[in-house]
């Protein structure tokens, strides 16, 4: 099976996963969510890649592979809803310049290129996908971080609340401003969130994160949260709080 065929099947699976939500929208007579305003592009960053695999689980699962799997699903779902997207990598590669010779040079070049690819867009929105890791195995739960203060916080809050409501009701984590040492998030000027989807160091959560179905569910919630915010942007400001989108209703059932 070719890579193209695999991702066509993934697109179909994602639409099937969202089919019940779409049917509920039509049954309620609600309007279908609109895509981002003209000129806005959602830049999706699957963290790490290539020789920089990110965190590694006890069973050898590499963070960069899970990041890419979720990011590709997110790209499919947002494209289905009419959003203009830009996926920074579509395979397990680094985005460094060819002349970068050492590992350090390649890592620096990679992150600088990611910043450039975001900031070169006239009106971007950044979603960066990552996985968490901690030496103690008991920690679990997705957490959303944001950049640029009021540009990102309401969007992060909405995403965090939706992840909790739809996928992990026991998750008490709250959205937080990104740490100052995360280069990408601190050098983009647009609304930006970084989603730590779960802990590779927690064996139970690791099994979920490796599951294609759970990866699709994560992508669907992140996508729906973005769409909620774009719906409200013209009325009450980007990412403001309001009624829960019908996109998420079916995921609670």
Foldseek 3Di string as FASTA:
>chain_A
DDPVVVLVVLLVVLCVVLVVLVVVCVVVVHDQQAAFPPQEEEEEEQPAFDPGQDDAFPVGDTWSVLSLLLSSLLVSVNVVRPHHYHYPDNHRHAPADPPQDDPVSSVVRRLVVLLVVQQVRPAYEYEYETAAEDPDQPDKDKEKEWADPPQAQLLRQLLRVLCCQQPNVPDPYGYYHDDPPPPNRHRHDHTYMYMRGIYSSHVVVVVLSPDSVSSSVSSQSNNQSQSVQSRCCVPPHGNHDDDRDSSSPVSND
